[in-house]
Amino acid sequence: MDDQGLHDAAIMLMSLGEEEAAEVFKHFSPKEVQKLGETIARMRSVSREKVDEVINKFSNAAAAQSLLVSDTGNYVRAVLKRALGDDKAGLLIDRILQGGDVSGIESLKWMDPLSVAELLRNEHPQIVAAILVHLDSDQASGILMHLTDRQRSEILLRVATLEGIQPTALKDLNEVLFKVLAGGDKIRKSSLGGIKAAAEIINLLGGNMDAAVLESIRGYDPDLAQKIMDKMFVFEDVLKLDNAAIQSVLKEVASETLIVALKGAVPELREKFLSNMSSRAAEALREDLESRGPMRLSEVEAQQKEILKTIRRLSDEGQIVIGGGGDDAFV
């Protein structure tokens, strides 16, 4: 969701009222809830014309409810508590409006990576690895970015060699967090850790961190490092997607993200996307790419990673298939 989309969605939610807005919030991810909550909290006044414009975009909404709330802070608290419950809402409100705190693995999913990194910085790498495999790959990679090179390597080595967590071992995590993984005795050993988990996290590390981590793991176990690399999906591997998959990705990616990502891509990869667009859209994209001035490599890589996240999500949802199948497939 781009900035304009966030702004419009925030206005729409504020127009709905607490109860209806809370029902909508229940269908958002932690990141989406945070972004929308922050957008609402920053709002002070909105013109009636803008409200009407937004409501017209969402024709199925109750057009009569066009008055915005007077106290955005209380509105955010009320909506989030109704949608998420006191515990989750309490932590998210802390990040948006400066308030309380809660504990546990589920709560970590609602925390920013820096806060989690500070919480885990002095813990044993094995404990950190056991926690990270329960988080989304992008959040786990964000946490690792705030740790030292040595910590990253030691933790990811353990993630890659982690074949699962025995239910009894989960009790040790209680010394780090309160009520880690409620119902941990039911955790399936085969669902956590391993080469694939390490590859997905390393994929999302920024700068040269991914190369440094792989080099460290290679020094410990060359075969393991190669297995991790074999499971990693990099931007150039988009060339291996079929046309139907590319078209699905294009529907999910913002035009600005695509422009920046392709600015630093090889010609073959540019053409892969352009050939799956309408002639008019392709021509517009070519013009944008030609007119766009030099860009920092970090900006290009960041947008390429955003596209990779979209590809991984579509793959997880079964909408596309990554790779050519068989042993050589990227999954």
C-alpha atoms as a PDB file:
ATOM      1  CA  MET A   1       0.000   0.000   0.000  1.00  0.00           C
ATOM      2  CA  ASP A   2       1.550   3.342  -1.090  1.00  0.00           C
ATOM      3  CA  ASP A   3       1.403   6.583   0.922  1.00  0.00           C
ATOM      4  CA  GLN A   4      -1.728   7.806  -0.859  1.00  0.00           C
ATOM      5  CA  GLY A   5      -3.419   4.457  -0.314  1.00  0.00           C
ATOM      6  CA  LEU A   6      -2.551   4.568   3.382  1.00  0.00           C
ATOM      7  CA  HIS A   7      -3.906   8.091   3.702  1.00  0.00           C
ATOM      8  CA  ASP A   8      -7.170   7.194   1.958  1.00  0.00           C
ATOM      9  CA  ALA A   9      -7.576   3.984   3.941  1.00  0.00           C
ATOM     10  CA  ALA A  10      -7.023   5.889   7.198  1.00  0.00           C
ATOM     11  CA  ILE A  11      -9.714   8.414   6.281  1.00  0.00           C
ATOM     12  CA  MET A  12     -12.077   5.606   5.325  1.00  0.00           C
ATOM     13  CA  LEU A  13     -11.513   3.798   8.633  1.00  0.00           C
ATOM     14  CA  MET A  14     -12.052   6.987  10.623  1.00  0.00           C
ATOM     15  CA  SER A  15     -15.286   7.533   8.732  1.00  0.00           C
ATOM     16  CA  LEU A  16     -16.612   4.079   9.565  1.00  0.00           C
ATOM     17  CA  GLY A  17     -16.662   4.379  13.350  1.00  0.00           C
ATOM     18  CA  GLU A  18     -14.955   2.247  15.989  1.00  0.00           C
ATOM     19  CA  GLU A  19     -16.924  -0.986  15.697  1.00  0.00           C
ATOM     20  CA  GLU A  20     -16.845  -1.232  11.903  1.00  0.00           C
ATOM     21  CA  ALA A  21     -13.218  -0.096  11.718  1.00  0.00           C
ATOM     22  CA  ALA A  22     -12.261  -2.732  14.285  1.00  0.00           C
ATOM     23  CA  GLU A  23     -13.765  -5.464  12.100  1.00  0.00           C
ATOM     24  CA  VAL A  24     -11.661  -4.235   9.170  1.00  0.00           C
ATOM     25  CA  PHE A  25      -8.499  -4.102  11.297  1.00  0.00           C
ATOM     26  CA  LYS A  26      -8.909  -7.782  12.171  1.00  0.00           C
ATOM     27  CA  HIS A  27      -8.083  -8.706   8.583  1.00  0.00           C
ATOM     28  CA  PHE A  28      -4.796  -6.767   8.448  1.00  0.00           C
ATOM     29  CA  SER A  29      -1.302  -8.031   9.187  1.00  0.00           C
ATOM     30  CA  PRO A  30       0.720  -6.517  12.081  1.00  0.00           C
ATOM     31  CA  LYS A  31       2.636  -4.287   9.667  1.00  0.00           C
ATOM     32  CA  GLU A  32      -0.530  -3.051   7.984  1.00  0.00           C
ATOM     33  CA  VAL A  33      -2.151  -2.326  11.346  1.00  0.00           C
ATOM     34  CA  GLN A  34       0.924  -0.396  12.444  1.00  0.00           C
ATOM     35  CA  LYS A  35       1.115   1.685   9.260  1.00  0.00           C
ATOM     36  CA  LEU A  36      -2.595   2.509   9.313  1.00  0.00           C
ATOM     37  CA  GLY A  37      -2.514   3.270  13.041  1.00  0.00           C
ATOM     38  CA  GLU A  38       0.428   5.618  12.623  1.00  0.00           C
ATOM     39  CA  THR A  39      -1.291   7.353   9.695  1.00  0.00           C
ATOM     40  CA  ILE A  40      -4.485   7.875  11.711  1.00  0.00           C
ATOM     41  CA  ALA A  41      -2.537   9.123  14.726  1.00  0.00           C
ATOM     42  CA  ARG A  42      -0.755  11.755  12.605  1.00  0.00           C
ATOM     43  CA  MET A  43      -3.981  13.162  11.155  1.00  0.00           C
ATOM     44  CA  ARG A  44      -5.326  16.377  12.596  1.00  0.00           C
ATOM     45  CA  SER A  45      -7.887  17.636  10.051  1.00  0.00           C
ATOM     46  CA  VAL A  46      -9.252  16.510   6.713  1.00  0.00           C
ATOM     47  CA  SER A  47     -11.451  18.515   4.361  1.00  0.00           C
ATOM     48  CA  ARG A  48     -15.004  17.374   3.727  1.00  0.00           C
ATOM     49  CA  GLU A  49     -14.224  17.239   0.018  1.00  0.00           C
ATOM     50  CA  LYS A  50     -11.415  14.764   0.662  1.00  0.00           C
ATOM     51  CA  VAL A  51     -13.670  12.631   2.857  1.00  0.00           C
ATOM     52  CA  ASP A  52     -16.332  12.512   0.152  1.00  0.00           C
ATOM     53  CA  GLU A  53     -13.710  11.655  -2.455  1.00  0.00           C
ATOM     54  CA  VAL A  54     -12.424   8.722  -0.414  1.00  0.00           C
ATOM     55  CA  ILE A  55     -15.912   7.444   0.378  1.00  0.00           C
ATOM     56  CA  ASN A  56     -16.768   7.484  -3.318  1.00  0.00           C
ATOM     57  CA  LYS A  57     -13.767   5.220  -3.926  1.00  0.00           C
ATOM     58  CA  PHE A  58     -15.256   2.711  -1.507  1.00  0.00           C
ATOM     59  CA  SER A  59     -18.822   2.683  -2.792  1.00  0.00           C
ATOM     60  CA  ASN A  60     -19.805  -0.218  -0.565  1.00  0.00           C
ATOM     61  CA  ALA A  61     -19.084   1.781   2.599  1.00  0.00           C
ATOM     62  CA  ALA A  62     -21.692   3.707   4.580  1.00  0.00           C
ATOM     63  CA  ALA A  63     -21.489   7.075   2.822  1.00  0.00           C
ATOM     64  CA  ALA A  64     -23.440   8.832   5.549  1.00  0.00           C
ATOM     65  CA  GLN A  65     -20.635   8.350   8.094  1.00  0.00           C
ATOM     66  CA  SER A  66     -18.328  11.088   6.864  1.00  0.00           C
ATOM     67  CA  LEU A  67     -17.420  12.888  10.090  1.00  0.00           C
ATOM     68  CA  LEU A  68     -13.943  12.167  11.445  1.00  0.00           C
ATOM     69  CA  VAL A  69     -13.178  11.610  15.124  1.00  0.00           C
ATOM     70  CA  SER A  70     -11.938  14.532  17.192  1.00  0.00           C
ATOM     71  CA  ASP A  71      -9.394  12.644  19.305  1.00  0.00           C
ATOM     72  CA  THR A  72      -7.284  10.420  17.044  1.00  0.00           C
ATOM     73  CA  GLY A  73      -5.241   9.022  19.932  1.00  0.00           C
ATOM     74  CA  ASN A  74      -8.296   7.685  21.765  1.00  0.00           C
ATOM     75  CA  TYR A  75      -9.737   6.458  18.473  1.00  0.00           C
ATOM     76  CA  VAL A  76      -6.608   4.403  17.730  1.00  0.00           C
ATOM     77  CA  ARG A  77      -6.672   2.908  21.243  1.00  0.00           C
ATOM     78  CA  ALA A  78     -10.341   2.009  21.069  1.00  0.00           C
ATOM     79  CA  VAL A  79     -10.208   0.488  17.584  1.00  0.00           C
ATOM     80  CA  LEU A  80      -7.041  -1.517  18.152  1.00  0.00           C
ATOM     81  CA  LYS A  81      -8.227  -2.901  21.484  1.00  0.00           C
ATOM     82  CA  ARG A  82     -11.545  -3.908  19.960  1.00  0.00           C
ATOM     83  CA  ALA A  83      -9.872  -5.545  16.964  1.00  0.00           C
ATOM     84  CA  LEU A  84      -6.819  -7.152  18.571  1.00  0.00           C
ATOM     85  CA  GLY A  85      -7.496  -7.508  22.277  1.00  0.00           C
ATOM     86  CA  ASP A  86      -5.788  -5.646  25.099  1.00  0.00           C
ATOM     87  CA  ASP A  87      -2.400  -7.427  24.934  1.00  0.00           C
ATOM     88  CA  LYS A  88      -1.596  -7.002  21.239  1.00  0.00           C
ATOM     89  CA  ALA A  89      -3.168  -3.562  21.090  1.00  0.00           C
ATOM     90  CA  GLY A  90      -1.202  -2.456  24.156  1.00  0.00           C
ATOM     91  CA  LEU A  91       2.118  -3.117  22.458  1.00  0.00           C
ATOM     92  CA  LEU A  92       1.092  -1.573  19.156  1.00  0.00           C
ATOM     93  CA  ILE A  93      -0.283   1.511  20.879  1.00  0.00           C
ATOM     94  CA  ASP A  94       3.105   1.795  22.604  1.00  0.00           C
ATOM     95  CA  ARG A  95       4.768   2.063  19.200  1.00  0.00           C
ATOM     96  CA  ILE A  96       2.199   4.505  17.835  1.00  0.00           C
ATOM     97  CA  LEU A  97       1.358   6.663  20.861  1.00  0.00           C
ATOM     98  CA  GLN A  98       4.114   5.823  23.394  1.00  0.00           C
ATOM     99  CA  GLY A  99       2.513   3.444  25.961  1.00  0.00           C
ATOM    100  CA  GLY A 100       2.857  -0.019  27.803  1.00  0.00           C
ATOM    101  CA  ASP A 101       4.488  -3.356  27.042  1.00  0.00           C
ATOM    102  CA  VAL A 102       3.711  -7.099  26.749  1.00  0.00           C
ATOM    103  CA  SER A 103       5.772 -10.257  26.365  1.00  0.00           C
ATOM    104  CA  GLY A 104       5.891 -13.502  24.407  1.00  0.00           C
ATOM    105  CA  ILE A 105       6.676 -14.722  20.910  1.00  0.00           C
ATOM    106  CA  GLU A 106       3.346 -13.529  19.538  1.00  0.00           C
ATOM    107  CA  SER A 107       4.067 -10.098  20.949  1.00  0.00           C
ATOM    108  CA  LEU A 108       7.435 -10.033  19.166  1.00  0.00           C
ATOM    109  CA  LYS A 109       5.547 -10.132  15.875  1.00  0.00           C
ATOM    110  CA  TRP A 110       4.075  -6.750  16.758  1.00  0.00           C
ATOM    111  CA  MET A 111       7.410  -5.175  17.695  1.00  0.00           C
ATOM    112  CA  ASP A 112       9.839  -3.338  15.446  1.00  0.00           C
ATOM    113  CA  PRO A 113      13.073  -5.213  14.613  1.00  0.00           C
ATOM    114  CA  LEU A 114      15.331  -2.851  16.600  1.00  0.00           C
ATOM    115  CA  SER A 115      13.324  -3.400  19.799  1.00  0.00           C
ATOM    116  CA  VAL A 116      13.490  -7.176  19.391  1.00  0.00           C
ATOM    117  CA  ALA A 117      17.222  -6.985  18.642  1.00  0.00           C
ATOM    118  CA  GLU A 118      17.816  -5.026  21.849  1.00  0.00           C
ATOM    119  CA  LEU A 119      15.793  -7.582  23.773  1.00  0.00           C
ATOM    120  CA  LEU A 120      17.780 -10.535  22.386  1.00  0.00           C
ATOM    121  CA  ARG A 121      21.218  -8.934  21.967  1.00  0.00           C
ATOM    122  CA  ASN A 122      22.802 -10.645  24.987  1.00  0.00           C
ATOM    123  CA  GLU A 123      21.104 -14.016  24.648  1.00  0.00           C
ATOM    124  CA  HIS A 124      22.828 -17.186  23.436  1.00  0.00           C
ATOM    125  CA  PRO A 125      22.748 -17.586  19.625  1.00  0.00           C
ATOM    126  CA  GLN A 126      20.907 -20.899  19.965  1.00  0.00           C
ATOM    127  CA  ILE A 127      18.107 -19.219  21.910  1.00  0.00           C
ATOM    128  CA  VAL A 128      17.892 -16.355  19.413  1.00  0.00           C
ATOM    129  CA  ALA A 129      17.774 -18.853  16.518  1.00  0.00           C
ATOM    130  CA  ALA A 130      14.968 -20.765  18.225  1.00  0.00           C
ATOM    131  CA  ILE A 131      13.001 -17.526  18.531  1.00  0.00           C
ATOM    132  CA  LEU A 132      13.678 -16.190  15.021  1.00  0.00           C
ATOM    133  CA  VAL A 133      12.353 -19.315  13.281  1.00  0.00           C
ATOM    134  CA  HIS A 134       8.937 -18.486  14.721  1.00  0.00           C
ATOM    135  CA  LEU A 135       8.920 -15.026  13.093  1.00  0.00           C
ATOM    136  CA  ASP A 136       8.377 -14.008   9.469  1.00  0.00           C
ATOM    137  CA  SER A 137      11.567 -14.002   7.409  1.00  0.00           C
ATOM    138  CA  ASP A 138      11.504 -10.263   6.780  1.00  0.00           C
ATOM    139  CA  GLN A 139      11.127  -9.473  10.474  1.00  0.00           C
ATOM    140  CA  ALA A 140      13.871 -11.958  11.374  1.00  0.00           C
ATOM    141  CA  SER A 141      16.235 -10.413   8.828  1.00  0.00           C
ATOM    142  CA  GLY A 142      15.418  -6.940  10.157  1.00  0.00           C
ATOM    143  CA  ILE A 143      16.325  -8.064  13.673  1.00  0.00           C
ATOM    144  CA  LEU A 144      19.622  -9.544  12.496  1.00  0.00           C
ATOM    145  CA  MET A 145      20.559  -6.292  10.773  1.00  0.00           C
ATOM    146  CA  HIS A 146      20.764  -4.654  14.197  1.00  0.00           C
ATOM    147  CA  LEU A 147      23.165  -7.282  15.581  1.00  0.00           C
ATOM    148  CA  THR A 148      26.920  -7.630  15.049  1.00  0.00           C
ATOM    149  CA  ASP A 149      28.477  -9.532  12.135  1.00  0.00           C
ATOM    150  CA  ARG A 150      29.553 -12.307  14.457  1.00  0.00           C
ATOM    151  CA  GLN A 151      26.128 -12.611  16.049  1.00  0.00           C
ATOM    152  CA  ARG A 152      24.426 -12.769  12.640  1.00  0.00           C
ATOM    153  CA  SER A 153      26.706 -15.539  11.458  1.00  0.00           C
ATOM    154  CA  GLU A 154      26.426 -17.585  14.651  1.00  0.00           C
ATOM    155  CA  ILE A 155      22.645 -17.259  14.762  1.00  0.00           C
ATOM    156  CA  LEU A 156      22.067 -18.115  11.096  1.00  0.00           C
ATOM    157  CA  LEU A 157      24.427 -21.060  11.339  1.00  0.00           C
ATOM    158  CA  ARG A 158      22.182 -22.386  14.079  1.00  0.00           C
ATOM    159  CA  VAL A 159      19.033 -21.600  12.114  1.00  0.00           C
ATOM    160  CA  ALA A 160      20.383 -23.552   9.161  1.00  0.00           C
ATOM    161  CA  THR A 161      21.316 -26.562  11.291  1.00  0.00           C
ATOM    162  CA  LEU A 162      18.132 -26.459  13.361  1.00  0.00           C
ATOM    163  CA  GLU A 163      16.007 -29.455  12.432  1.00  0.00           C
ATOM    164  CA  GLY A 164      13.224 -28.514  14.794  1.00  0.00           C
ATOM    165  CA  ILE A 165      12.574 -27.678  18.407  1.00  0.00           C
ATOM    166  CA  GLN A 166      11.597 -30.413  20.789  1.00  0.00           C
ATOM    167  CA  PRO A 167       8.622 -29.425  22.978  1.00  0.00           C
ATOM    168  CA  THR A 168      10.704 -29.800  26.144  1.00  0.00           C
ATOM    169  CA  ALA A 169      13.343 -27.408  24.777  1.00  0.00           C
ATOM    170  CA  LEU A 170      10.744 -24.663  24.500  1.00  0.00           C
ATOM    171  CA  LYS A 171      10.728 -24.412  28.291  1.00  0.00           C
ATOM    172  CA  ASP A 172      14.211 -22.886  28.141  1.00  0.00           C
ATOM    173  CA  LEU A 173      12.853 -19.975  26.144  1.00  0.00           C
ATOM    174  CA  ASN A 174      10.647 -19.004  29.065  1.00  0.00           C
ATOM    175  CA  GLU A 175      13.770 -17.608  30.707  1.00  0.00           C
ATOM    176  CA  VAL A 176      14.007 -15.137  27.822  1.00  0.00           C
ATOM    177  CA  LEU A 177      10.367 -14.317  27.117  1.00  0.00           C
ATOM    178  CA  PHE A 178       7.098 -14.733  29.010  1.00  0.00           C
ATOM    179  CA  LYS A 179       4.987 -17.683  27.834  1.00  0.00           C
ATOM    180  CA  VAL A 180       6.960 -18.341  24.649  1.00  0.00           C
ATOM    181  CA  LEU A 181       4.778 -20.097  22.092  1.00  0.00           C
ATOM    182  CA  ALA A 182       1.605 -20.834  23.985  1.00  0.00           C
ATOM    183  CA  GLY A 183       0.814 -24.482  23.468  1.00  0.00           C
ATOM    184  CA  GLY A 184       4.437 -25.230  22.588  1.00  0.00           C
ATOM    185  CA  ASP A 185       3.958 -28.924  23.352  1.00  0.00           C
ATOM    186  CA  LYS A 186       1.962 -29.123  20.141  1.00  0.00           C
ATOM    187  CA  ILE A 187       4.696 -27.665  17.958  1.00  0.00           C
ATOM    188  CA  ARG A 188       5.608 -29.972  15.097  1.00  0.00           C
ATOM    189  CA  LYS A 189       9.331 -30.606  15.067  1.00  0.00           C
ATOM    190  CA  SER A 190       9.557 -30.655  11.277  1.00  0.00           C
ATOM    191  CA  SER A 191       8.069 -27.193  10.770  1.00  0.00           C
ATOM    192  CA  LEU A 192      10.823 -25.018  12.240  1.00  0.00           C
ATOM    193  CA  GLY A 193      14.372 -24.115  11.251  1.00  0.00           C
ATOM    194  CA  GLY A 194      16.510 -25.726   8.590  1.00  0.00           C
ATOM    195  CA  ILE A 195      18.265 -24.675   5.389  1.00  0.00           C
ATOM    196  CA  LYS A 196      15.161 -23.173   3.792  1.00  0.00           C
ATOM    197  CA  ALA A 197      14.471 -20.972   6.825  1.00  0.00           C
ATOM    198  CA  ALA A 198      18.075 -19.741   6.859  1.00  0.00           C
ATOM    199  CA  ALA A 199      17.983 -19.050   3.099  1.00  0.00           C
ATOM    200  CA  GLU A 200      14.785 -17.015   3.367  1.00  0.00           C
ATOM    201  CA  ILE A 201      16.206 -14.883   6.174  1.00  0.00           C
ATOM    202  CA  ILE A 202      19.558 -14.357   4.445  1.00  0.00           C
ATOM    203  CA  ASN A 203      17.715 -13.404   1.250  1.00  0.00           C
ATOM    204  CA  LEU A 204      16.316 -10.363   3.013  1.00  0.00           C
ATOM    205  CA  LEU A 205      19.497  -9.102   4.677  1.00  0.00           C
ATOM    206  CA  GLY A 206      20.592  -5.756   3.280  1.00  0.00           C
ATOM    207  CA  GLY A 207      23.940  -4.448   2.074  1.00  0.00           C
ATOM    208  CA  ASN A 208      26.741  -6.999   2.113  1.00  0.00           C
ATOM    209  CA  MET A 209      25.427  -8.802   5.187  1.00  0.00           C
ATOM    210  CA  ASP A 210      24.192 -11.773   3.172  1.00  0.00           C
ATOM    211  CA  ALA A 211      27.607 -12.369   1.610  1.00  0.00           C
ATOM    212  CA  ALA A 212      29.376 -11.981   4.956  1.00  0.00           C
ATOM    213  CA  VAL A 213      27.052 -14.463   6.656  1.00  0.00           C
ATOM    214  CA  LEU A 214      27.445 -17.016   3.868  1.00  0.00           C
ATOM    215  CA  GLU A 215      31.220 -16.647   3.935  1.00  0.00           C
ATOM    216  CA  SER A 216      31.247 -17.286   7.683  1.00  0.00           C
ATOM    217  CA  ILE A 217      29.044 -20.359   7.318  1.00  0.00           C
ATOM    218  CA  ARG A 218      31.244 -21.565   4.444  1.00  0.00           C
ATOM    219  CA  GLY A 219      34.228 -21.478   6.789  1.00  0.00           C
ATOM    220  CA  TYR A 220      32.351 -23.728   9.195  1.00  0.00           C
ATOM    221  CA  ASP A 221      30.748 -26.054   6.637  1.00  0.00           C
ATOM    222  CA  PRO A 222      31.200 -25.466   2.861  1.00  0.00           C
ATOM    223  CA  ASP A 223      28.517 -27.991   1.941  1.00  0.00           C
ATOM    224  CA  LEU A 224      25.990 -26.331   4.231  1.00  0.00           C
ATOM    225  CA  ALA A 225      26.759 -22.907   2.748  1.00  0.00           C
ATOM    226  CA  GLN A 226      26.207 -24.273  -0.762  1.00  0.00           C
ATOM    227  CA  LYS A 227      22.903 -25.870   0.236  1.00  0.00           C
ATOM    228  CA  ILE A 228      21.731 -22.550   1.631  1.00  0.00           C
ATOM    229  CA  MET A 229      22.760 -20.731  -1.556  1.00  0.00           C
ATOM    230  CA  ASP A 230      20.893 -23.301  -3.620  1.00  0.00           C
ATOM    231  CA  LYS A 231      17.712 -22.416  -1.736  1.00  0.00           C
ATOM    232  CA  MET A 232      18.152 -18.663  -2.017  1.00  0.00           C
ATOM    233  CA  PHE A 233      16.090 -16.815  -4.608  1.00  0.00           C
ATOM    234  CA  VAL A 234      17.763 -13.650  -5.889  1.00  0.00           C
ATOM    235  CA  PHE A 235      16.347 -10.995  -8.177  1.00  0.00           C
ATOM    236  CA  GLU A 236      18.017 -12.391 -11.295  1.00  0.00           C
ATOM    237  CA  ASP A 237      16.154 -15.664 -10.676  1.00  0.00           C
ATOM    238  CA  VAL A 238      12.965 -13.854 -11.688  1.00  0.00           C
ATOM    239  CA  LEU A 239      14.034 -14.816 -15.223  1.00  0.00           C
ATOM    240  CA  LYS A 240      13.081 -18.396 -14.319  1.00  0.00           C
ATOM    241  CA  LEU A 241       9.453 -17.463 -13.644  1.00  0.00           C
ATOM    242  CA  ASP A 242       6.956 -18.236 -16.397  1.00  0.00           C
ATOM    243  CA  ASN A 243       4.924 -15.471 -18.037  1.00  0.00           C
ATOM    244  CA  ALA A 244       1.794 -16.186 -16.005  1.00  0.00           C
ATOM    245  CA  ALA A 245       3.796 -15.786 -12.788  1.00  0.00           C
ATOM    246  CA  ILE A 246       5.315 -12.502 -13.984  1.00  0.00           C
ATOM    247  CA  GLN A 247       1.839 -11.182 -14.798  1.00  0.00           C
ATOM    248  CA  SER A 248       0.646 -12.121 -11.307  1.00  0.00           C
ATOM    249  CA  VAL A 249       3.617 -10.298  -9.785  1.00  0.00           C
ATOM    250  CA  LEU A 250       2.950  -7.188 -11.886  1.00  0.00           C
ATOM    251  CA  LYS A 251      -0.576  -6.978 -10.464  1.00  0.00           C
ATOM    252  CA  GLU A 252       0.836  -6.820  -6.929  1.00  0.00           C
ATOM    253  CA  VAL A 253       3.815  -4.477  -7.382  1.00  0.00           C
ATOM    254  CA  ALA A 254       3.545  -0.676  -7.337  1.00  0.00           C
ATOM    255  CA  SER A 255       4.832   1.046 -10.473  1.00  0.00           C
ATOM    256  CA  GLU A 256       7.405   3.088  -8.534  1.00  0.00           C
ATOM    257  CA  THR A 257       8.799  -0.070  -6.931  1.00  0.00           C
ATOM    258  CA  LEU A 258       9.109  -1.713 -10.354  1.00  0.00           C
ATOM    259  CA  ILE A 259      10.825   1.313 -11.908  1.00  0.00           C
ATOM    260  CA  VAL A 260      13.456   1.542  -9.178  1.00  0.00           C
ATOM    261  CA  ALA A 261      14.023  -2.232  -9.084  1.00  0.00           C
ATOM    262  CA  LEU A 262      14.493  -2.481 -12.849  1.00  0.00           C
ATOM    263  CA  LYS A 263      16.771   0.564 -12.934  1.00  0.00           C
ATOM    264  CA  GLY A 264      19.633  -1.672 -11.801  1.00  0.00           C
ATOM    265  CA  ALA A 265      18.492  -4.902 -13.478  1.00  0.00           C
ATOM    266  CA  VAL A 266      20.124  -6.657 -16.426  1.00  0.00           C
ATOM    267  CA  PRO A 267      18.469  -6.009 -19.837  1.00  0.00           C
ATOM    268  CA  GLU A 268      17.076  -9.538 -20.019  1.00  0.00           C
ATOM    269  CA  LEU A 269      15.249  -9.052 -16.739  1.00  0.00           C
ATOM    270  CA  ARG A 270      13.821  -5.715 -17.837  1.00  0.00           C
ATOM    271  CA  GLU A 271      12.492  -7.321 -21.000  1.00  0.00           C
ATOM    272  CA  LYS A 272      10.995 -10.176 -18.973  1.00  0.00           C
ATOM    273  CA  PHE A 273       8.703  -7.695 -17.237  1.00  0.00           C
ATOM    274  CA  LEU A 274       8.138  -5.437 -20.257  1.00  0.00           C
ATOM    275  CA  SER A 275       7.092  -8.350 -22.481  1.00  0.00           C
ATOM    276  CA  ASN A 276       4.346  -9.240 -20.008  1.00  0.00           C
ATOM    277  CA  MET A 277       2.822  -5.757 -19.993  1.00  0.00           C
ATOM    278  CA  SER A 278       0.484  -4.082 -22.453  1.00  0.00           C
ATOM    279  CA  SER A 279       2.294  -2.165 -25.184  1.00  0.00           C
ATOM    280  CA  ARG A 280       1.109   1.121 -23.693  1.00  0.00           C
ATOM    281  CA  ALA A 281       2.228   0.233 -20.166  1.00  0.00           C
ATOM    282  CA  ALA A 282       5.551  -1.104 -21.450  1.00  0.00           C
ATOM    283  CA  GLU A 283       6.236   2.067 -23.395  1.00  0.00           C
ATOM    284  CA  ALA A 284       5.444   4.198 -20.351  1.00  0.00           C
ATOM    285  CA  LEU A 285       7.789   2.095 -18.225  1.00  0.00           C
ATOM    286  CA  ARG A 286      10.588   2.393 -20.789  1.00  0.00           C
ATOM    287  CA  GLU A 287      10.209   6.169 -20.773  1.00  0.00           C
ATOM    288  CA  ASP A 288      10.266   6.254 -16.976  1.00  0.00           C
ATOM    289  CA  LEU A 289      13.414   4.121 -16.881  1.00  0.00           C
ATOM    290  CA  GLU A 290      15.162   6.316 -19.446  1.00  0.00           C
ATOM    291  CA  SER A 291      14.195   9.575 -17.763  1.00  0.00           C
ATOM    292  CA  ARG A 292      15.077   8.430 -14.251  1.00  0.00           C
ATOM    293  CA  GLY A 293      18.501   9.682 -13.197  1.00  0.00           C
ATOM    294  CA  PRO A 294      21.211   7.692 -11.382  1.00  0.00           C
ATOM    295  CA  MET A 295      20.046   5.958  -8.220  1.00  0.00           C
ATOM    296  CA  ARG A 296      21.844   4.615  -5.186  1.00  0.00           C
ATOM    297  CA  LEU A 297      22.423   0.893  -5.301  1.00  0.00           C
ATOM    298  CA  SER A 298      20.913   0.542  -1.840  1.00  0.00           C
ATOM    299  CA  GLU A 299      17.624   2.026  -3.107  1.00  0.00           C
ATOM    300  CA  VAL A 300      17.536  -0.356  -6.068  1.00  0.00           C
ATOM    301  CA  GLU A 301      18.298  -3.389  -3.903  1.00  0.00           C
ATOM    302  CA  ALA A 302      15.641  -2.386  -1.375  1.00  0.00           C
ATOM    303  CA  GLN A 303      12.933  -2.293  -4.056  1.00  0.00           C
ATOM    304  CA  GLN A 304      14.162  -5.538  -5.587  1.00  0.00           C
ATOM    305  CA  LYS A 305      13.771  -7.160  -2.172  1.00  0.00           C
ATOM    306  CA  GLU A 306      10.214  -5.811  -1.987  1.00  0.00           C
ATOM    307  CA  ILE A 307       9.443  -7.586  -5.262  1.00  0.00           C
ATOM    308  CA  LEU A 308      11.078 -10.763  -3.946  1.00  0.00           C
ATOM    309  CA  LYS A 309       8.822 -10.572  -0.876  1.00  0.00           C
ATOM    310  CA  THR A 310       5.807 -10.345  -3.172  1.00  0.00           C
ATOM    311  CA  ILE A 311       7.024 -13.321  -5.201  1.00  0.00           C
ATOM    312  CA  ARG A 312       7.579 -15.378  -2.055  1.00  0.00           C
ATOM    313  CA  ARG A 313       4.111 -14.477  -0.750  1.00  0.00           C
ATOM    314  CA  LEU A 314       2.438 -15.441  -4.034  1.00  0.00           C
ATOM    315  CA  SER A 315       4.394 -18.698  -3.993  1.00  0.00           C
ATOM    316  CA  ASP A 316       3.345 -19.436  -0.405  1.00  0.00           C
ATOM    317  CA  GLU A 317      -0.272 -18.765  -1.384  1.00  0.00           C
ATOM    318  CA  GLY A 318       0.040 -21.201  -4.285  1.00  0.00           C
ATOM    319  CA  GLN A 319      -0.645 -18.542  -6.921  1.00  0.00           C
ATOM    320  CA  ILE A 320       2.716 -18.977  -8.663  1.00  0.00           C
ATOM    321  CA  VAL A 321       5.456 -21.595  -8.809  1.00  0.00           C
ATOM    322  CA  ILE A 322       9.063 -20.518  -8.259  1.00  0.00           C
ATOM    323  CA  GLY A 323      11.637 -22.427 -10.301  1.00  0.00           C
ATOM    324  CA  GLY A 324      11.373 -25.105 -12.894  1.00  0.00           C
ATOM    325  CA  GLY A 325      10.380 -27.991 -10.665  1.00  0.00           C
ATOM    326  CA  GLY A 326      12.262 -31.050  -9.478  1.00  0.00           C
ATOM    327  CA  ASP A 327      15.461 -30.851  -7.486  1.00  0.00           C
ATOM    328  CA  ASP A 328      16.386 -27.551  -9.108  1.00  0.00           C
ATOM    329  CA  ALA A 329      13.222 -25.754  -7.992  1.00  0.00           C
ATOM    330  CA  PHE A 330      13.418 -22.652  -5.848  1.00  0.00           C
ATOM    331  CA  VAL A 331      10.858 -22.957  -3.097  1.00  0.00           C
END
